[in-house]
């Protein structure tokens, strides 16, 4: 995922089509001098619709769409002919896309399945033709309904990556290196903070042709929930991961302290994240001997499954995959 191509936020004006006007028409034929009202109904205005597409992974194709406008419905005609509906506009979006009202911030819905279609902005109803208004006391109504106006609103689309496992850790904890070692993903890797500026997804092969999806989320720093560092821009991607894998390097000052800081940032952003299943991997463990590992076990928070790993030497990576798979199956 190149940085320029990964777009997870767009804002645009969504305008549905107005309904067509009902027809004011009377039947006129050679041998029917006093034909009754026969004006048809107007057509419905076009909807703006979001459709899930599993082949997409970014909102890049919508980045420059500032206005999305659907067609108006056609007016009704004589002979009770209904006008054509306005053509709907269908926007394909990646799975995990959330639609929000730009003014209130209210969440409308979320697209989670391939082919799922949800009306974002509803088209106006067509007006009724004058034949609907004929009564015993008014045989020739000179009235038909106008079409209902379309809706114009500002919409925000946010993408939350769909992955089984989300990697959580400080910058330079080795998340990208781990994803690269476990999958075919090729994230940018460097020995400095914020190498990863966009989320990366990788498919991790497991035993018997099974697999799971892992997401490398850009590093969290203390204060991320308040917007420091890369801020909360990428924290929302963790919301869709069923398992959170905390990655803390072996050369950190105190494992439990770093773990609590990471946990605190997640809680500040969204307390529901603490309900997710958590695992811990101590990265860069090729720096440790067995004696040091045993000493460090006392620093590990209670109740969380953990494993010492090294992405460079492949140490315990199979054990890590076993731990993740077991957590996925029991979640």
C-alpha atoms as a PDB file:
ATOM      1  CA  UNK A   1       0.000   0.000   0.000  1.00  0.00           C
ATOM      2  CA  UNK A   2       1.731   3.156  -1.152  1.00  0.00           C
ATOM      3  CA  UNK A   3       1.119   6.161   1.038  1.00  0.00           C
ATOM      4  CA  UNK A   4      -0.345   8.203  -1.840  1.00  0.00           C
ATOM      5  CA  UNK A   5      -2.836   5.446  -2.663  1.00  0.00           C
ATOM      6  CA  UNK A   6      -4.162   4.671   0.798  1.00  0.00           C
ATOM      7  CA  UNK A   7      -7.118   6.970   1.442  1.00  0.00           C
ATOM      8  CA  UNK A   8      -9.309   6.081   4.439  1.00  0.00           C
ATOM      9  CA  UNK A   9     -11.347   9.309   4.754  1.00  0.00           C
ATOM     10  CA  UNK A  10     -13.448  11.251   2.227  1.00  0.00           C
ATOM     11  CA  UNK A  11     -16.062  13.992   2.531  1.00  0.00           C
ATOM     12  CA  UNK A  12     -18.494  14.873  -0.241  1.00  0.00           C
ATOM     13  CA  UNK A  13     -21.892  16.437  -0.980  1.00  0.00           C
ATOM     14  CA  UNK A  14     -24.509  13.774  -1.724  1.00  0.00           C
ATOM     15  CA  UNK A  15     -27.566  15.000  -3.658  1.00  0.00           C
ATOM     16  CA  UNK A  16     -30.377  12.637  -4.579  1.00  0.00           C
ATOM     17  CA  UNK A  17     -32.716  13.249  -7.509  1.00  0.00           C
ATOM     18  CA  UNK A  18     -36.025  15.088  -7.203  1.00  0.00           C
ATOM     19  CA  UNK A  19     -39.215  13.179  -7.974  1.00  0.00           C
ATOM     20  CA  UNK A  20     -40.979  13.844 -11.275  1.00  0.00           C
ATOM     21  CA  UNK A  21     -44.200  15.855 -11.269  1.00  0.00           C
ATOM     22  CA  UNK A  22     -47.552  14.114 -11.619  1.00  0.00           C
ATOM     23  CA  UNK A  23     -49.379  14.757 -14.891  1.00  0.00           C
ATOM     24  CA  UNK A  24     -52.427  17.004 -15.219  1.00  0.00           C
ATOM     25  CA  UNK A  25     -54.101  15.381 -18.223  1.00  0.00           C
ATOM     26  CA  UNK A  26     -57.563  14.428 -19.465  1.00  0.00           C
ATOM     27  CA  UNK A  27     -58.462  11.652 -21.850  1.00  0.00           C
ATOM     28  CA  UNK A  28     -59.273  13.115 -25.269  1.00  0.00           C
ATOM     29  CA  UNK A  29     -60.413  10.767 -28.053  1.00  0.00           C
ATOM     30  CA  UNK A  30     -62.623  11.231 -31.073  1.00  0.00           C
ATOM     31  CA  UNK A  31     -65.580   9.289 -29.685  1.00  0.00           C
ATOM     32  CA  UNK A  32     -64.986  10.130 -26.021  1.00  0.00           C
ATOM     33  CA  UNK A  33     -65.722  13.874 -25.762  1.00  0.00           C
ATOM     34  CA  UNK A  34     -65.694  13.918 -21.952  1.00  0.00           C
ATOM     35  CA  UNK A  35     -62.921  11.486 -21.016  1.00  0.00           C
ATOM     36  CA  UNK A  36     -61.892  11.582 -17.374  1.00  0.00           C
ATOM     37  CA  UNK A  37     -58.571  12.541 -15.800  1.00  0.00           C
ATOM     38  CA  UNK A  38     -55.758  10.166 -16.783  1.00  0.00           C
ATOM     39  CA  UNK A  39     -52.589  11.965 -15.717  1.00  0.00           C
ATOM     40  CA  UNK A  40     -49.843   9.507 -14.669  1.00  0.00           C
ATOM     41  CA  UNK A  41     -47.546   9.678 -11.644  1.00  0.00           C
ATOM     42  CA  UNK A  42     -44.057  11.145 -11.727  1.00  0.00           C
ATOM     43  CA  UNK A  43     -41.035   8.847 -11.417  1.00  0.00           C
ATOM     44  CA  UNK A  44     -38.948   8.533  -8.256  1.00  0.00           C
ATOM     45  CA  UNK A  45     -35.736  10.557  -8.033  1.00  0.00           C
ATOM     46  CA  UNK A  46     -32.472   8.638  -8.137  1.00  0.00           C
ATOM     47  CA  UNK A  47     -30.921   7.337  -4.897  1.00  0.00           C
ATOM     48  CA  UNK A  48     -27.251   7.570  -3.888  1.00  0.00           C
ATOM     49  CA  UNK A  49     -26.303   4.001  -2.919  1.00  0.00           C
ATOM     50  CA  UNK A  50     -23.181   2.514  -1.308  1.00  0.00           C
ATOM     51  CA  UNK A  51     -22.191  -1.016  -2.383  1.00  0.00           C
ATOM     52  CA  UNK A  52     -19.584  -3.226  -0.718  1.00  0.00           C
ATOM     53  CA  UNK A  53     -16.765  -4.393  -2.990  1.00  0.00           C
ATOM     54  CA  UNK A  54     -14.257  -6.916  -1.602  1.00  0.00           C
ATOM     55  CA  UNK A  55     -11.774  -6.026  -4.373  1.00  0.00           C
ATOM     56  CA  UNK A  56     -11.288  -2.498  -3.015  1.00  0.00           C
ATOM     57  CA  UNK A  57      -9.043  -1.631  -0.044  1.00  0.00           C
ATOM     58  CA  UNK A  58      -9.019   2.189  -0.188  1.00  0.00           C
ATOM     59  CA  UNK A  59     -11.356   5.149  -0.798  1.00  0.00           C
ATOM     60  CA  UNK A  60      -8.884   6.625  -3.295  1.00  0.00           C
ATOM     61  CA  UNK A  61     -11.391   6.488  -6.184  1.00  0.00           C
ATOM     62  CA  UNK A  62     -13.716   8.830  -4.244  1.00  0.00           C
ATOM     63  CA  UNK A  63     -11.025  11.295  -3.110  1.00  0.00           C
ATOM     64  CA  UNK A  64     -11.786  13.875  -5.818  1.00  0.00           C
ATOM     65  CA  UNK A  65     -15.576  13.372  -5.920  1.00  0.00           C
ATOM     66  CA  UNK A  66     -16.758  16.481  -4.080  1.00  0.00           C
ATOM     67  CA  UNK A  67     -20.338  16.283  -5.403  1.00  0.00           C
ATOM     68  CA  UNK A  68     -22.317  13.116  -6.161  1.00  0.00           C
ATOM     69  CA  UNK A  69     -25.599  13.939  -7.900  1.00  0.00           C
ATOM     70  CA  UNK A  70     -28.360  11.511  -8.888  1.00  0.00           C
ATOM     71  CA  UNK A  71     -30.805  12.028 -11.750  1.00  0.00           C
ATOM     72  CA  UNK A  72     -34.299  13.489 -11.256  1.00  0.00           C
ATOM     73  CA  UNK A  73     -37.387  11.395 -11.965  1.00  0.00           C
ATOM     74  CA  UNK A  74     -39.310  12.053 -15.193  1.00  0.00           C
ATOM     75  CA  UNK A  75     -42.797  13.618 -15.082  1.00  0.00           C
ATOM     76  CA  UNK A  76     -45.896  11.487 -15.571  1.00  0.00           C
ATOM     77  CA  UNK A  77     -47.807  11.446 -18.862  1.00  0.00           C
ATOM     78  CA  UNK A  78     -51.359  11.081 -20.059  1.00  0.00           C
ATOM     79  CA  UNK A  79     -52.911   7.631 -20.302  1.00  0.00           C
ATOM     80  CA  UNK A  80     -51.828   7.033 -16.688  1.00  0.00           C
ATOM     81  CA  UNK A  81     -48.267   6.501 -17.834  1.00  0.00           C
ATOM     82  CA  UNK A  82     -45.785   6.743 -14.947  1.00  0.00           C
ATOM     83  CA  UNK A  83     -42.605   8.726 -15.558  1.00  0.00           C
ATOM     84  CA  UNK A  84     -39.281   6.886 -15.503  1.00  0.00           C
ATOM     85  CA  UNK A  85     -37.363   6.770 -12.232  1.00  0.00           C
ATOM     86  CA  UNK A  86     -34.185   8.822 -12.031  1.00  0.00           C
ATOM     87  CA  UNK A  87     -31.028   6.735 -12.441  1.00  0.00           C
ATOM     88  CA  UNK A  88     -29.446   5.727  -9.129  1.00  0.00           C
ATOM     89  CA  UNK A  89     -25.770   6.467  -8.457  1.00  0.00           C
ATOM     90  CA  UNK A  90     -23.971   3.445  -6.968  1.00  0.00           C
ATOM     91  CA  UNK A  91     -20.642   4.045  -5.222  1.00  0.00           C
ATOM     92  CA  UNK A  92     -18.487   0.960  -4.671  1.00  0.00           C
ATOM     93  CA  UNK A  93     -16.631   1.071  -1.342  1.00  0.00           C
ATOM     94  CA  UNK A  94     -14.270  -1.304   0.520  1.00  0.00           C
ATOM     95  CA  UNK A  95     -15.612  -3.561   3.236  1.00  0.00           C
ATOM     96  CA  UNK A  96     -15.359  -1.809   6.596  1.00  0.00           C
ATOM     97  CA  UNK A  97     -16.552   1.564   5.257  1.00  0.00           C
ATOM     98  CA  UNK A  98     -18.605   3.630   7.729  1.00  0.00           C
ATOM     99  CA  UNK A  99     -20.987   6.365   6.509  1.00  0.00           C
ATOM    100  CA  UNK A 100     -21.494   9.373   8.791  1.00  0.00           C
ATOM    101  CA  UNK A 101     -23.439  12.637   8.712  1.00  0.00           C
ATOM    102  CA  UNK A 102     -20.753  15.328   8.272  1.00  0.00           C
ATOM    103  CA  UNK A 103     -22.654  17.946  10.321  1.00  0.00           C
ATOM    104  CA  UNK A 104     -23.625  15.854  13.356  1.00  0.00           C
ATOM    105  CA  UNK A 105     -20.975  13.114  13.186  1.00  0.00           C
ATOM    106  CA  UNK A 106     -23.784  10.557  13.590  1.00  0.00           C
ATOM    107  CA  UNK A 107     -23.010   7.098  12.206  1.00  0.00           C
ATOM    108  CA  UNK A 108     -25.527   5.997   9.562  1.00  0.00           C
ATOM    109  CA  UNK A 109     -24.404   2.467   8.753  1.00  0.00           C
ATOM    110  CA  UNK A 110     -21.411   0.273   7.965  1.00  0.00           C
ATOM    111  CA  UNK A 111     -20.686  -1.794   4.860  1.00  0.00           C
ATOM    112  CA  UNK A 112     -19.323  -5.199   5.900  1.00  0.00           C
ATOM    113  CA  UNK A 113     -20.268  -7.647   3.100  1.00  0.00           C
ATOM    114  CA  UNK A 114     -19.364  -7.981  -0.559  1.00  0.00           C
ATOM    115  CA  UNK A 115     -22.315  -6.884  -2.702  1.00  0.00           C
ATOM    116  CA  UNK A 116     -24.175  -5.309   0.243  1.00  0.00           C
ATOM    117  CA  UNK A 117     -26.153  -2.267  -0.933  1.00  0.00           C
ATOM    118  CA  UNK A 118     -27.494   0.474   1.359  1.00  0.00           C
ATOM    119  CA  UNK A 119     -29.295   3.667   0.305  1.00  0.00           C
ATOM    120  CA  UNK A 120     -27.207   6.599   1.516  1.00  0.00           C
ATOM    121  CA  UNK A 121     -29.376   9.495   0.288  1.00  0.00           C
ATOM    122  CA  UNK A 122     -32.950   8.707  -0.728  1.00  0.00           C
ATOM    123  CA  UNK A 123     -34.433  10.104  -3.914  1.00  0.00           C
ATOM    124  CA  UNK A 124     -37.607  12.235  -3.813  1.00  0.00           C
ATOM    125  CA  UNK A 125     -40.977  10.583  -4.386  1.00  0.00           C
ATOM    126  CA  UNK A 126     -42.772  11.205  -7.670  1.00  0.00           C
ATOM    127  CA  UNK A 127     -45.945  13.333  -7.581  1.00  0.00           C
ATOM    128  CA  UNK A 128     -49.372  11.774  -8.089  1.00  0.00           C
ATOM    129  CA  UNK A 129     -51.189  12.365 -11.376  1.00  0.00           C
ATOM    130  CA  UNK A 130     -54.612  13.997 -11.421  1.00  0.00           C
ATOM    131  CA  UNK A 131     -56.485  10.694 -11.859  1.00  0.00           C
ATOM    132  CA  UNK A 132     -55.822  10.024  -8.130  1.00  0.00           C
ATOM    133  CA  UNK A 133     -57.893  13.077  -7.159  1.00  0.00           C
ATOM    134  CA  UNK A 134     -61.106  12.252  -9.012  1.00  0.00           C
ATOM    135  CA  UNK A 135     -64.078  12.072  -6.626  1.00  0.00           C
ATOM    136  CA  UNK A 136     -67.874  11.854  -6.971  1.00  0.00           C
ATOM    137  CA  UNK A 137     -68.095  15.623  -6.536  1.00  0.00           C
ATOM    138  CA  UNK A 138     -64.994  16.510  -8.576  1.00  0.00           C
ATOM    139  CA  UNK A 139     -65.007  14.510 -11.801  1.00  0.00           C
ATOM    140  CA  UNK A 140     -62.368  16.670 -13.503  1.00  0.00           C
ATOM    141  CA  UNK A 141     -59.663  17.621 -10.983  1.00  0.00           C
ATOM    142  CA  UNK A 142     -57.323  20.284 -12.345  1.00  0.00           C
ATOM    143  CA  UNK A 143     -54.620  19.363  -9.896  1.00  0.00           C
ATOM    144  CA  UNK A 144     -51.616  17.018  -9.810  1.00  0.00           C
ATOM    145  CA  UNK A 145     -48.852  16.741  -7.218  1.00  0.00           C
ATOM    146  CA  UNK A 146     -45.399  18.153  -7.837  1.00  0.00           C
ATOM    147  CA  UNK A 147     -42.489  15.775  -7.263  1.00  0.00           C
ATOM    148  CA  UNK A 148     -40.766  15.673  -3.879  1.00  0.00           C
ATOM    149  CA  UNK A 149     -37.427  17.487  -3.744  1.00  0.00           C
ATOM    150  CA  UNK A 150     -34.228  15.474  -3.532  1.00  0.00           C
ATOM    151  CA  UNK A 151     -32.008  15.604  -0.432  1.00  0.00           C
ATOM    152  CA  UNK A 152     -28.682  17.434  -0.326  1.00  0.00           C
ATOM    153  CA  UNK A 153     -26.336  16.544   2.526  1.00  0.00           C
ATOM    154  CA  UNK A 154     -22.638  16.339   3.351  1.00  0.00           C
ATOM    155  CA  UNK A 155     -21.384  12.831   4.034  1.00  0.00           C
ATOM    156  CA  UNK A 156     -18.172  11.459   5.537  1.00  0.00           C
ATOM    157  CA  UNK A 157     -16.934   7.987   4.625  1.00  0.00           C
ATOM    158  CA  UNK A 158     -14.341   6.405   6.915  1.00  0.00           C
ATOM    159  CA  UNK A 159     -12.602   3.109   6.280  1.00  0.00           C
ATOM    160  CA  UNK A 160     -11.855   0.702   9.129  1.00  0.00           C
ATOM    161  CA  UNK A 161      -9.664  -2.155   7.950  1.00  0.00           C
ATOM    162  CA  UNK A 162     -11.122  -5.638   8.306  1.00  0.00           C
ATOM    163  CA  UNK A 163      -8.455  -7.915   9.774  1.00  0.00           C
ATOM    164  CA  UNK A 164      -8.356 -10.821  12.229  1.00  0.00           C
ATOM    165  CA  UNK A 165      -5.330  -9.472  14.097  1.00  0.00           C
ATOM    166  CA  UNK A 166      -4.247  -5.873  14.662  1.00  0.00           C
ATOM    167  CA  UNK A 167      -0.666  -5.121  15.683  1.00  0.00           C
ATOM    168  CA  UNK A 168      -0.464  -2.584  18.510  1.00  0.00           C
ATOM    169  CA  UNK A 169       2.810  -1.015  19.621  1.00  0.00           C
ATOM    170  CA  UNK A 170       5.021   2.026  19.822  1.00  0.00           C
ATOM    171  CA  UNK A 171       6.858   3.242  16.700  1.00  0.00           C
ATOM    172  CA  UNK A 172       9.893   1.087  15.946  1.00  0.00           C
ATOM    173  CA  UNK A 173       8.555  -1.906  17.927  1.00  0.00           C
ATOM    174  CA  UNK A 174       9.095  -4.204  14.921  1.00  0.00           C
ATOM    175  CA  UNK A 175       5.495  -4.459  13.694  1.00  0.00           C
ATOM    176  CA  UNK A 176       6.348  -4.053   9.998  1.00  0.00           C
ATOM    177  CA  UNK A 177       9.228  -6.516  10.281  1.00  0.00           C
ATOM    178  CA  UNK A 178       6.925  -9.074  11.891  1.00  0.00           C
ATOM    179  CA  UNK A 179       4.239  -8.644   9.225  1.00  0.00           C
ATOM    180  CA  UNK A 180       6.884  -9.030   6.525  1.00  0.00           C
ATOM    181  CA  UNK A 181       8.269 -12.188   8.195  1.00  0.00           C
ATOM    182  CA  UNK A 182       4.817 -13.787   8.600  1.00  0.00           C
ATOM    183  CA  UNK A 183       3.219 -12.858   5.272  1.00  0.00           C
ATOM    184  CA  UNK A 184       3.958 -11.827   1.708  1.00  0.00           C
ATOM    185  CA  UNK A 185       3.292  -8.158   2.565  1.00  0.00           C
ATOM    186  CA  UNK A 186       6.215  -5.821   1.884  1.00  0.00           C
ATOM    187  CA  UNK A 187       5.773  -2.820   4.193  1.00  0.00           C
ATOM    188  CA  UNK A 188       8.443  -0.131   4.379  1.00  0.00           C
ATOM    189  CA  UNK A 189      10.878  -0.998   7.165  1.00  0.00           C
ATOM    190  CA  UNK A 190      13.425   1.333   8.755  1.00  0.00           C
ATOM    191  CA  UNK A 191      15.199   1.881  12.043  1.00  0.00           C
ATOM    192  CA  UNK A 192      13.404   5.103  12.912  1.00  0.00           C
ATOM    193  CA  UNK A 193       9.976   6.071  14.300  1.00  0.00           C
ATOM    194  CA  UNK A 194       6.921   6.296  12.027  1.00  0.00           C
ATOM    195  CA  UNK A 195       8.356   4.259   9.185  1.00  0.00           C
ATOM    196  CA  UNK A 196       4.802   3.034   8.699  1.00  0.00           C
ATOM    197  CA  UNK A 197       2.579   5.937   7.683  1.00  0.00           C
ATOM    198  CA  UNK A 198      -0.336   3.878   6.347  1.00  0.00           C
ATOM    199  CA  UNK A 199      -1.852   0.584   7.579  1.00  0.00           C
ATOM    200  CA  UNK A 200      -0.562  -2.546   5.866  1.00  0.00           C
ATOM    201  CA  UNK A 201      -2.474  -5.804   5.491  1.00  0.00           C
ATOM    202  CA  UNK A 202      -0.900  -9.236   5.164  1.00  0.00           C
ATOM    203  CA  UNK A 203      -2.361 -12.723   4.793  1.00  0.00           C
ATOM    204  CA  UNK A 204      -0.569 -15.131   7.132  1.00  0.00           C
ATOM    205  CA  UNK A 205      -0.492 -18.777   6.037  1.00  0.00           C
ATOM    206  CA  UNK A 206      -1.183 -21.330   8.745  1.00  0.00           C
ATOM    207  CA  UNK A 207      -1.242 -25.119   8.941  1.00  0.00           C
ATOM    208  CA  UNK A 208      -3.414 -27.184   6.564  1.00  0.00           C
ATOM    209  CA  UNK A 209      -3.879 -24.322   4.054  1.00  0.00           C
ATOM    210  CA  UNK A 210      -5.605 -22.126   6.625  1.00  0.00           C
ATOM    211  CA  UNK A 211      -4.832 -18.428   6.934  1.00  0.00           C
ATOM    212  CA  UNK A 212      -5.684 -15.241   8.784  1.00  0.00           C
ATOM    213  CA  UNK A 213      -5.336 -11.518   8.029  1.00  0.00           C
ATOM    214  CA  UNK A 214      -2.977  -9.327  10.050  1.00  0.00           C
ATOM    215  CA  UNK A 215      -2.937  -5.504  10.015  1.00  0.00           C
ATOM    216  CA  UNK A 216       0.158  -3.446  10.811  1.00  0.00           C
ATOM    217  CA  UNK A 217      -1.230  -0.192  12.247  1.00  0.00           C
ATOM    218  CA  UNK A 218       1.065   2.877  12.399  1.00  0.00           C
ATOM    219  CA  UNK A 219       2.707   3.177  15.819  1.00  0.00           C
ATOM    220  CA  UNK A 220       0.919   4.596  18.833  1.00  0.00           C
ATOM    221  CA  UNK A 221       2.675   7.077  21.099  1.00  0.00           C
ATOM    222  CA  UNK A 222       1.683   8.362  24.501  1.00  0.00           C
ATOM    223  CA  UNK A 223      -0.946  11.029  23.865  1.00  0.00           C
ATOM    224  CA  UNK A 224      -2.096   9.557  20.534  1.00  0.00           C
ATOM    225  CA  UNK A 225      -5.736   9.673  21.660  1.00  0.00           C
ATOM    226  CA  UNK A 226      -5.339  13.461  22.035  1.00  0.00           C
ATOM    227  CA  UNK A 227      -3.853  13.746  18.560  1.00  0.00           C
ATOM    228  CA  UNK A 228      -0.110  13.602  19.232  1.00  0.00           C
ATOM    229  CA  UNK A 229       2.216  11.926  16.749  1.00  0.00           C
ATOM    230  CA  UNK A 230       0.090  10.487  13.964  1.00  0.00           C
ATOM    231  CA  UNK A 231      -2.865  11.062  16.294  1.00  0.00           C
ATOM    232  CA  UNK A 232      -6.084   9.078  16.195  1.00  0.00           C
ATOM    233  CA  UNK A 233      -6.166   8.896  12.407  1.00  0.00           C
ATOM    234  CA  UNK A 234      -5.296   5.185  12.429  1.00  0.00           C
ATOM    235  CA  UNK A 235      -6.684   4.134  15.812  1.00  0.00           C
ATOM    236  CA  UNK A 236     -10.075   3.493  14.185  1.00  0.00           C
ATOM    237  CA  UNK A 237      -8.553   0.641  12.142  1.00  0.00           C
ATOM    238  CA  UNK A 238      -7.999  -1.293  15.377  1.00  0.00           C
ATOM    239  CA  UNK A 239     -11.756  -1.213  16.088  1.00  0.00           C
ATOM    240  CA  UNK A 240     -12.453  -3.851  13.409  1.00  0.00           C
ATOM    241  CA  UNK A 241      -9.734  -6.322  14.482  1.00  0.00           C
ATOM    242  CA  UNK A 242     -11.010  -9.270  16.513  1.00  0.00           C
ATOM    243  CA  UNK A 243      -7.607  -9.872  18.194  1.00  0.00           C
ATOM    244  CA  UNK A 244      -5.110  -7.241  19.358  1.00  0.00           C
ATOM    245  CA  UNK A 245      -1.488  -8.381  19.337  1.00  0.00           C
ATOM    246  CA  UNK A 246       0.627  -6.073  21.495  1.00  0.00           C
ATOM    247  CA  UNK A 247       4.229  -5.942  20.299  1.00  0.00           C
ATOM    248  CA  UNK A 248       6.819  -4.735  22.821  1.00  0.00           C
ATOM    249  CA  UNK A 249      10.563  -4.945  22.080  1.00  0.00           C
ATOM    250  CA  UNK A 250      12.833  -6.859  24.451  1.00  0.00           C
ATOM    251  CA  UNK A 251      15.088  -3.823  24.906  1.00  0.00           C
ATOM    252  CA  UNK A 252      12.279  -1.683  26.371  1.00  0.00           C
ATOM    253  CA  UNK A 253      12.829  -0.306  29.871  1.00  0.00           C
ATOM    254  CA  UNK A 254       9.818  -2.001  31.466  1.00  0.00           C
ATOM    255  CA  UNK A 255       7.386  -4.255  29.575  1.00  0.00           C
ATOM    256  CA  UNK A 256       4.459  -3.766  31.975  1.00  0.00           C
ATOM    257  CA  UNK A 257       4.779   0.041  31.841  1.00  0.00           C
ATOM    258  CA  UNK A 258       4.803   0.145  28.042  1.00  0.00           C
ATOM    259  CA  UNK A 259       1.851  -2.249  27.919  1.00  0.00           C
ATOM    260  CA  UNK A 260      -0.176  -0.033  30.292  1.00  0.00           C
ATOM    261  CA  UNK A 261       0.559   3.090  28.230  1.00  0.00           C
ATOM    262  CA  UNK A 262      -0.615   1.355  25.044  1.00  0.00           C
ATOM    263  CA  UNK A 263      -3.705   0.059  26.816  1.00  0.00           C
ATOM    264  CA  UNK A 264      -4.421   3.537  28.194  1.00  0.00           C
ATOM    265  CA  UNK A 265      -4.320   5.142  24.740  1.00  0.00           C
ATOM    266  CA  UNK A 266      -6.769   2.546  23.388  1.00  0.00           C
ATOM    267  CA  UNK A 267      -9.093   3.103  26.347  1.00  0.00           C
ATOM    268  CA  UNK A 268      -9.059   6.889  25.881  1.00  0.00           C
ATOM    269  CA  UNK A 269      -9.912   6.497  22.222  1.00  0.00           C
ATOM    270  CA  UNK A 270     -12.639   3.854  22.679  1.00  0.00           C
ATOM    271  CA  UNK A 271     -13.166   1.927  25.961  1.00  0.00           C
ATOM    272  CA  UNK A 272     -14.826  -0.923  24.012  1.00  0.00           C
ATOM    273  CA  UNK A 273     -11.403  -1.835  22.610  1.00  0.00           C
ATOM    274  CA  UNK A 274     -10.502  -3.257  26.027  1.00  0.00           C
ATOM    275  CA  UNK A 275     -13.156  -5.956  25.500  1.00  0.00           C
ATOM    276  CA  UNK A 276     -11.143  -7.428  22.629  1.00  0.00           C
ATOM    277  CA  UNK A 277      -8.933 -10.466  23.156  1.00  0.00           C
ATOM    278  CA  UNK A 278      -5.310  -9.405  23.763  1.00  0.00           C
ATOM    279  CA  UNK A 279      -2.035 -11.229  23.117  1.00  0.00           C
ATOM    280  CA  UNK A 280       1.542 -10.119  23.812  1.00  0.00           C
ATOM    281  CA  UNK A 281       4.681 -10.758  21.777  1.00  0.00           C
ATOM    282  CA  UNK A 282       8.113  -9.682  23.064  1.00  0.00           C
ATOM    283  CA  UNK A 283       9.948  -8.785  19.850  1.00  0.00           C
ATOM    284  CA  UNK A 284      13.706  -8.613  19.171  1.00  0.00           C
ATOM    285  CA  UNK A 285      14.232 -11.554  21.547  1.00  0.00           C
ATOM    286  CA  UNK A 286      17.340 -12.610  19.626  1.00  0.00           C
ATOM    287  CA  UNK A 287      19.040 -10.080  21.954  1.00  0.00           C
ATOM    288  CA  UNK A 288      18.193 -12.257  24.961  1.00  0.00           C
ATOM    289  CA  UNK A 289      19.547 -15.497  26.364  1.00  0.00           C
ATOM    290  CA  UNK A 290      17.382 -17.961  28.310  1.00  0.00           C
ATOM    291  CA  UNK A 291      18.374 -16.502  31.681  1.00  0.00           C
ATOM    292  CA  UNK A 292      17.305 -12.978  30.663  1.00  0.00           C
ATOM    293  CA  UNK A 293      13.999 -14.295  29.297  1.00  0.00           C
ATOM    294  CA  UNK A 294      13.219 -15.968  32.623  1.00  0.00           C
ATOM    295  CA  UNK A 295      14.045 -12.745  34.468  1.00  0.00           C
ATOM    296  CA  UNK A 296      11.762 -10.700  32.179  1.00  0.00           C
ATOM    297  CA  UNK A 297       8.785 -13.013  32.716  1.00  0.00           C
ATOM    298  CA  UNK A 298       8.166 -11.312  36.068  1.00  0.00           C
ATOM    299  CA  UNK A 299       7.608  -7.993  34.213  1.00  0.00           C
ATOM    300  CA  UNK A 300       4.845  -9.400  32.025  1.00  0.00           C
ATOM    301  CA  UNK A 301       1.270  -8.348  32.998  1.00  0.00           C
ATOM    302  CA  UNK A 302      -0.823 -11.143  34.475  1.00  0.00           C
ATOM    303  CA  UNK A 303      -3.544 -12.891  32.499  1.00  0.00           C
ATOM    304  CA  UNK A 304      -2.293 -12.164  28.977  1.00  0.00           C
ATOM    305  CA  UNK A 305      -0.923 -14.981  26.774  1.00  0.00           C
ATOM    306  CA  UNK A 306       2.619 -14.097  25.656  1.00  0.00           C
ATOM    307  CA  UNK A 307       5.548 -15.367  23.646  1.00  0.00           C
ATOM    308  CA  UNK A 308       9.144 -14.241  23.072  1.00  0.00           C
ATOM    309  CA  UNK A 309       9.843 -13.872  19.331  1.00  0.00           C
ATOM    310  CA  UNK A 310      12.409 -12.648  16.824  1.00  0.00           C
ATOM    311  CA  UNK A 311      11.291 -11.734  13.307  1.00  0.00           C
ATOM    312  CA  UNK A 312      14.900 -11.658  12.097  1.00  0.00           C
ATOM    313  CA  UNK A 313      15.860 -15.185  13.252  1.00  0.00           C
ATOM    314  CA  UNK A 314      12.263 -16.564  12.964  1.00  0.00           C
ATOM    315  CA  UNK A 315      12.491 -17.557  16.645  1.00  0.00           C
ATOM    316  CA  UNK A 316       9.086 -18.751  17.974  1.00  0.00           C
ATOM    317  CA  UNK A 317       7.118 -17.408  14.990  1.00  0.00           C
ATOM    318  CA  UNK A 318       5.319 -20.749  14.565  1.00  0.00           C
ATOM    319  CA  UNK A 319       4.470 -20.667  18.261  1.00  0.00           C
ATOM    320  CA  UNK A 320       3.107 -17.135  17.807  1.00  0.00           C
ATOM    321  CA  UNK A 321       0.929 -18.266  14.897  1.00  0.00           C
ATOM    322  CA  UNK A 322      -0.416 -21.141  17.013  1.00  0.00           C
ATOM    323  CA  UNK A 323      -1.285 -18.679  19.798  1.00  0.00           C
ATOM    324  CA  UNK A 324      -3.023 -16.301  17.381  1.00  0.00           C
ATOM    325  CA  UNK A 325      -4.968 -19.100  15.664  1.00  0.00           C
ATOM    326  CA  UNK A 326      -6.170 -20.479  18.977  1.00  0.00           C
ATOM    327  CA  UNK A 327      -7.321 -16.975  20.021  1.00  0.00           C
ATOM    328  CA  UNK A 328      -9.171 -16.444  16.718  1.00  0.00           C
ATOM    329  CA  UNK A 329     -10.979 -19.773  17.034  1.00  0.00           C
ATOM    330  CA  UNK A 330     -12.084 -19.050  20.613  1.00  0.00           C
ATOM    331  CA  UNK A 331     -13.175 -15.440  19.995  1.00  0.00           C
END
